Protein backbone atom coordinates (compact mmCIF):
# COMPACT_ATOMS: atom_id res chain seq x y z
CA MET A 1 -41.22 -4.97 17.53
CA LYS A 2 -44.68 -5.50 16.05
CA VAL A 3 -46.20 -8.93 16.49
CA PRO A 4 -47.43 -10.72 13.32
CA SER A 5 -51.22 -10.95 13.01
CA LYS A 6 -51.41 -14.72 13.57
CA ILE A 7 -49.44 -14.52 16.80
CA GLU A 8 -51.41 -11.46 17.83
CA ALA A 9 -54.58 -13.56 17.45
CA ILE A 10 -53.17 -16.16 19.88
CA PHE A 11 -52.25 -13.48 22.42
CA ALA A 12 -55.66 -11.83 22.11
CA GLN A 13 -57.54 -15.12 22.60
CA ALA A 14 -55.43 -16.01 25.63
CA ALA A 15 -56.05 -12.56 27.11
CA ALA A 16 -59.82 -12.86 26.55
CA LEU A 17 -59.93 -16.30 28.18
CA HIS A 18 -57.91 -15.01 31.15
CA GLN A 19 -60.15 -11.97 31.64
CA ALA A 20 -63.27 -14.16 31.37
CA GLY A 21 -61.89 -16.44 34.11
CA ARG A 22 -61.96 -19.53 31.90
CA LEU A 23 -58.22 -20.09 31.41
CA ARG A 24 -56.00 -17.81 33.47
CA SER A 25 -52.61 -18.23 31.87
CA THR A 26 -49.08 -17.04 31.15
CA ILE A 27 -47.69 -16.60 27.64
CA TYR A 28 -44.15 -17.59 26.67
CA ALA A 29 -42.80 -16.64 23.23
CA HIS A 30 -39.29 -17.35 21.99
CA GLU A 31 -37.99 -17.55 18.43
CA ASP A 32 -40.82 -19.18 16.39
CA VAL A 33 -42.65 -20.86 19.30
CA VAL A 34 -45.44 -19.73 21.63
CA HIS A 35 -46.38 -21.66 24.78
CA ILE A 36 -49.40 -20.96 26.97
CA LEU A 37 -49.41 -22.36 30.53
CA ASN A 38 -52.51 -21.93 32.68
CA GLY A 39 -52.28 -20.89 36.31
CA ASP A 40 -53.36 -24.27 37.73
CA LYS A 41 -50.83 -25.97 35.46
CA THR A 42 -53.41 -28.30 33.96
CA VAL A 43 -52.95 -27.08 30.36
CA ILE A 44 -49.86 -26.35 28.25
CA LEU A 45 -50.44 -25.25 24.66
CA PHE A 46 -47.86 -24.97 21.89
CA PHE A 47 -47.99 -22.98 18.65
CA MET A 48 -45.32 -22.65 15.95
CA ASN A 49 -44.97 -19.68 13.62
CA PRO A 50 -44.01 -20.93 10.12
CA ASP A 51 -42.41 -17.57 9.30
CA PRO A 52 -38.87 -16.49 10.34
CA PRO A 53 -38.35 -16.27 14.11
CA THR A 54 -40.20 -13.34 15.63
CA PHE A 55 -38.93 -13.33 19.22
CA LEU A 56 -35.14 -13.22 19.29
CA GLU A 57 -35.22 -13.36 23.10
CA PRO A 58 -37.83 -14.83 25.48
CA TYR A 59 -41.00 -12.77 25.96
CA CYS A 60 -42.90 -13.93 29.06
CA PHE A 61 -46.00 -12.22 30.47
CA GLU A 62 -49.36 -12.85 32.11
CA ALA A 63 -52.07 -13.13 29.46
CA ASP A 64 -54.21 -10.35 30.93
CA ASP A 65 -51.25 -7.95 30.73
CA TYR A 66 -51.37 -8.14 26.93
CA ASP A 67 -52.07 -4.62 25.78
CA SER A 68 -50.68 -3.98 22.31
CA ASN A 69 -49.19 -5.71 19.28
CA GLU A 70 -46.07 -3.55 19.69
CA MET A 71 -43.74 -5.04 22.30
CA GLU A 72 -40.20 -4.71 23.59
CA ILE A 73 -38.01 -5.86 26.46
CA ALA A 74 -36.84 -3.33 29.08
CA ASP A 75 -35.10 -4.21 32.34
CA GLY A 76 -36.03 -7.86 31.88
CA ARG A 77 -39.75 -7.12 31.52
CA VAL A 78 -42.09 -7.16 28.54
CA VAL A 79 -43.31 -3.67 27.71
CA PHE A 80 -46.42 -3.04 25.59
CA VAL A 81 -46.30 0.21 23.63
CA GLN A 82 -49.17 2.31 22.28
CA ARG A 83 -48.47 5.48 20.31
CA GLY A 84 -50.90 8.37 19.85
CA GLU A 85 -50.61 11.81 18.31
CA GLN A 86 -49.53 13.48 21.54
CA PHE A 87 -48.64 10.67 23.93
CA GLU A 88 -46.83 7.36 24.06
CA ARG A 89 -48.15 4.79 26.51
CA ARG A 90 -46.03 1.97 27.97
CA LYS A 91 -47.35 -0.87 30.07
CA TYR A 92 -44.77 -2.92 31.97
CA ALA A 93 -45.91 -6.54 32.35
CA ARG A 94 -45.39 -8.64 35.44
CA ILE A 95 -42.50 -11.11 35.45
CA PRO A 96 -43.83 -14.71 35.63
CA PRO A 97 -42.26 -17.07 38.20
CA VAL A 98 -41.66 -19.79 35.58
CA THR A 99 -39.19 -19.20 32.74
CA SER A 100 -39.64 -19.90 29.04
CA ALA A 101 -36.95 -22.61 29.16
CA GLU A 102 -38.70 -24.36 32.06
CA VAL A 103 -42.04 -24.39 30.24
CA SER A 104 -40.44 -25.74 27.06
CA GLU A 105 -38.72 -28.53 29.03
CA LEU A 106 -41.95 -29.38 30.84
CA PHE A 107 -43.86 -29.58 27.58
CA GLN A 108 -41.32 -31.80 25.83
CA ARG A 109 -41.06 -34.10 28.83
CA HIS A 110 -44.76 -34.88 28.64
CA LEU A 111 -44.67 -35.50 24.89
CA THR A 112 -41.91 -38.06 25.37
CA GLU A 113 -44.03 -40.31 27.58
CA PHE A 114 -46.55 -40.88 24.79
CA GLU A 115 -44.07 -42.81 22.65
CA ALA A 116 -44.06 -45.75 25.05
CA GLY A 117 -47.72 -46.67 24.56
CA ASP A 118 -50.43 -47.38 22.00
CA GLU A 119 -52.49 -44.37 21.00
CA SER A 120 -56.17 -43.80 20.32
CA GLU A 121 -57.91 -40.58 19.41
CA ILE A 122 -61.16 -38.76 18.85
CA THR A 123 -61.83 -35.63 16.80
CA ILE A 124 -64.26 -33.07 18.23
CA HIS A 125 -65.91 -30.16 16.47
CA LYS A 126 -66.73 -26.78 18.00
CA GLU A 127 -70.44 -27.27 17.31
CA MET A 128 -70.50 -29.68 20.25
CA LEU A 129 -69.95 -26.90 22.82
CA PRO A 130 -73.56 -25.60 23.03
CA LEU A 131 -74.61 -29.11 24.12
CA LEU A 132 -72.43 -28.89 27.25
CA ASP A 133 -73.31 -27.22 30.54
CA PRO A 134 -70.44 -24.83 31.40
CA SER A 135 -71.61 -24.64 35.02
CA LEU A 136 -70.69 -28.31 35.61
CA SER A 137 -67.07 -28.55 36.55
CA HIS A 138 -65.90 -31.57 34.59
CA LEU A 139 -66.51 -33.70 31.54
CA GLU A 140 -66.05 -37.48 31.51
CA ILE A 141 -65.01 -39.46 28.43
CA ILE A 142 -65.70 -43.18 28.10
CA SER A 143 -65.89 -45.73 25.30
CA ASP A 144 -69.08 -47.62 24.53
CA ARG A 145 -67.88 -50.50 22.31
CA GLY A 146 -65.34 -48.17 20.70
CA ASN A 147 -67.69 -45.21 20.34
CA PRO A 148 -66.82 -42.08 22.37
CA VAL A 149 -69.34 -40.95 24.98
CA PHE A 150 -69.20 -37.66 26.87
CA ILE A 151 -70.86 -37.36 30.27
CA GLN A 152 -71.49 -34.42 32.56
CA ARG A 153 -73.05 -35.00 35.95
CA ASP A 154 -74.34 -32.84 38.76
CA ILE A 155 -73.43 -34.80 41.87
CA TYR A 156 -75.80 -32.76 44.03
CA THR A 157 -79.05 -33.11 42.04
CA GLY A 158 -78.38 -36.43 40.31
CA SER A 159 -78.95 -34.97 36.83
CA LEU A 160 -76.74 -36.26 34.01
CA ILE A 161 -75.95 -35.14 30.47
CA ARG A 162 -74.78 -37.80 28.00
CA LEU A 163 -73.56 -37.09 24.46
CA ASP A 164 -73.32 -39.99 22.01
CA ARG A 165 -72.01 -39.91 18.48
CA ARG A 166 -74.62 -40.03 15.71
CA GLY A 167 -73.20 -41.47 12.50
CA ASP A 168 -70.06 -40.45 10.64
CA ASP A 169 -71.13 -36.81 10.45
CA GLY A 170 -71.53 -36.37 14.18
CA LEU A 171 -69.92 -33.67 16.29
CA PHE A 172 -67.15 -36.02 17.34
CA ASP A 173 -65.71 -39.14 15.72
CA THR A 174 -62.81 -41.56 15.62
CA THR A 175 -62.50 -42.00 11.87
CA GLU A 176 -60.47 -39.02 10.65
CA GLY A 177 -57.24 -40.82 9.88
CA GLY A 178 -56.52 -42.01 13.40
CA ASN A 179 -56.85 -44.91 15.80
CA PRO A 180 -60.29 -45.52 17.34
CA LEU A 181 -60.89 -45.88 21.04
CA PRO A 182 -60.71 -49.43 22.42
CA ASP A 183 -63.97 -51.16 23.29
CA THR A 184 -63.42 -50.39 26.96
CA PHE A 185 -61.89 -47.06 27.90
CA GLY A 186 -62.15 -44.62 30.79
CA PRO A 187 -63.72 -42.90 32.37
CA VAL A 188 -61.28 -40.01 32.31
CA GLY A 189 -62.23 -36.51 33.37
CA ILE A 190 -61.25 -33.12 31.95
CA ARG A 191 -62.21 -29.81 33.53
CA THR A 192 -65.04 -28.27 31.52
CA ALA A 193 -63.37 -24.85 31.39
CA ASP A 194 -60.11 -26.38 30.14
CA PHE A 195 -61.93 -28.38 27.48
CA MET A 196 -64.05 -25.49 26.18
CA SER A 197 -61.09 -23.10 26.14
CA LEU A 198 -59.30 -25.24 23.56
CA PHE A 199 -61.85 -24.28 20.91
CA SER A 200 -60.96 -20.61 21.23
CA PHE A 201 -57.84 -21.48 19.23
CA SER A 202 -59.18 -24.09 16.79
CA ASP A 203 -62.63 -25.09 15.54
CA THR A 204 -61.62 -28.74 15.53
CA ILE A 205 -59.67 -30.47 18.31
CA LYS A 206 -58.17 -33.96 18.20
CA ILE A 207 -57.76 -35.59 21.63
CA ILE A 208 -55.11 -38.30 21.80
CA PHE A 209 -54.84 -40.90 24.56
CA SER A 210 -51.90 -43.22 25.26
CA THR A 211 -51.72 -46.46 27.20
CA ALA A 212 -48.34 -45.26 28.53
CA VAL A 213 -49.79 -42.44 30.65
CA LYS A 214 -52.78 -42.13 32.95
CA GLY A 215 -52.71 -38.52 34.03
CA TYR A 216 -53.17 -36.54 30.83
CA CYS A 217 -53.89 -36.51 27.10
CA LEU A 218 -52.54 -34.66 24.09
CA VAL A 219 -54.63 -32.30 21.97
CA GLU A 220 -54.03 -31.10 18.43
CA GLY A 221 -55.62 -28.15 16.65
CA GLU A 222 -55.59 -26.76 13.12
CA PHE A 223 -54.13 -23.32 13.83
CA MET A 224 -50.36 -22.75 13.68
CA GLY A 225 -49.42 -26.33 14.54
CA MET A 226 -51.38 -26.24 17.80
CA LEU A 227 -50.40 -29.03 20.17
CA GLY A 228 -51.14 -29.29 23.86
CA VAL A 229 -51.02 -31.31 27.04
CA VAL A 230 -54.24 -31.39 29.09
CA SER A 231 -54.39 -32.95 32.54
CA PHE A 232 -57.16 -35.24 33.71
CA CYS A 233 -59.22 -34.47 36.80
CA LEU A 234 -59.03 -36.46 40.01
CA TYR A 235 -62.35 -37.21 41.62
CA ASP A 236 -63.20 -39.20 44.74
CA ASP A 237 -66.31 -41.35 45.29
CA LEU A 238 -68.47 -38.21 45.60
CA GLY A 239 -67.24 -36.86 42.31
CA THR A 240 -65.34 -33.92 43.74
CA ILE A 241 -62.29 -32.68 41.91
CA THR A 242 -58.77 -31.99 43.10
CA LEU A 243 -56.99 -29.55 40.81
CA SER A 244 -53.55 -30.69 41.91
CA LYS A 245 -51.82 -32.99 44.36
CA GLU A 246 -50.69 -29.88 46.18
CA GLU A 247 -54.28 -28.68 46.72
CA THR A 248 -53.76 -25.73 44.40
CA ASN A 249 -53.90 -22.42 46.27
CA GLY A 250 -55.29 -24.23 49.29
CA ARG A 251 -58.74 -24.52 47.72
CA GLU A 252 -61.43 -26.75 49.14
CA LYS A 253 -62.11 -30.03 47.34
CA SER A 254 -65.84 -29.25 47.18
CA GLU A 255 -67.03 -28.84 43.61
CA LYS A 256 -69.23 -25.90 44.61
CA PRO A 257 -68.71 -23.17 47.23
CA GLY A 258 -70.72 -22.89 50.40
CA GLY A 259 -69.44 -25.74 52.55
CA GLU A 260 -69.83 -29.50 52.33
CA ARG A 261 -72.75 -30.95 50.44
CA LYS A 262 -73.71 -34.57 50.00
CA ALA A 263 -73.90 -36.12 46.59
CA HIS A 264 -77.26 -37.23 45.25
CA PRO A 265 -77.60 -41.04 45.50
CA GLU A 266 -78.13 -41.26 41.73
CA ALA A 267 -75.15 -39.08 40.85
CA GLY A 268 -73.05 -42.11 39.94
CA ALA A 269 -75.50 -43.45 37.38
CA GLY A 270 -73.72 -44.41 34.20
CA SER A 271 -69.95 -44.62 34.34
CA GLN A 272 -68.30 -44.81 37.75
CA PRO A 273 -65.13 -42.78 37.90
CA GLY A 274 -64.04 -43.97 41.32
CA LYS A 275 -60.58 -42.91 42.42
CA GLN A 276 -57.96 -42.16 39.83
CA GLU A 277 -54.35 -41.10 39.79
CA SER A 278 -54.24 -37.39 39.05
CA GLY A 279 -52.16 -35.71 36.41
CA ALA A 280 -53.76 -32.45 37.40
CA ASP A 281 -50.61 -30.54 38.22
CA LEU A 282 -48.41 -31.21 35.21
CA ARG A 283 -45.29 -30.45 37.24
CA ASN A 284 -45.76 -33.76 39.04
CA GLN A 285 -45.41 -35.86 35.90
CA GLU A 286 -42.12 -37.57 35.16
CA GLY A 287 -40.23 -38.35 31.97
CA GLU A 288 -37.07 -37.29 30.22
CA GLY A 289 -35.55 -36.76 26.82
CA PRO A 290 -37.14 -35.59 23.56
CA GLY A 291 -39.82 -37.63 21.81
CA LYS A 292 -41.15 -37.96 18.29
CA ARG A 293 -43.53 -35.01 18.76
CA VAL A 294 -40.84 -32.80 20.27
CA ARG A 295 -41.16 -29.07 19.78
CA THR A 296 -38.65 -26.47 20.86
């Protein structure tokens, strides 16, 4: 089976992000739907192919195993095939521990929770990315009298980056057919790598917040019905981040390697995140039944 070019583009982007260490993920494709779940389970992305179903059975593989647009299933594993004049090459992908059905159920469960609350949203353009510092681990979002503000802080030096909207033609806004942020909102934190990775799939991303949930937001993109669930960070008073309630892979809480370091006394200037409930590991969220944004 040869993968259509649009789906091939999704696979290739996911593979590039995985190999760059920005979003290590697993790809799940079944019928006309593609899901991408990152290894820390802080991001689930959904894409829908408008053409007839491509994957008649579930295709599940680690993103960095992607090797060719010609694929098949053999002995329960995805096999990537390359054909030359004299040789035929087959790469047998690893079998992920989570199934396609489990990822689909997890995704729909999170969408359902949004129906219970009031929503607000902001639209962000890719041109904003050069203004961010990718070396800082998280990005905070707050509302300043209804206007979105993005903050990055280095808790060790006390330096702070603040991005404010400039007019209706700014790099992010709340006016494109949606509901603006309330006068007081946040702060909420998103991992910088998670946030920047979204723009590999769409030049414009809409972030949607709901009063019904505290641990995550929804994101929408322009390419192939892109929809996603992105978890918020959990930081303590020093600004350190916990990737999951289970201390993912036993990692240290320190934002930077090399042992414990004390935060700069001015690191909290601006918004004060304090302690928040984490939605970092999306498996810990609860909810049931399909919602109005349900995808299969």
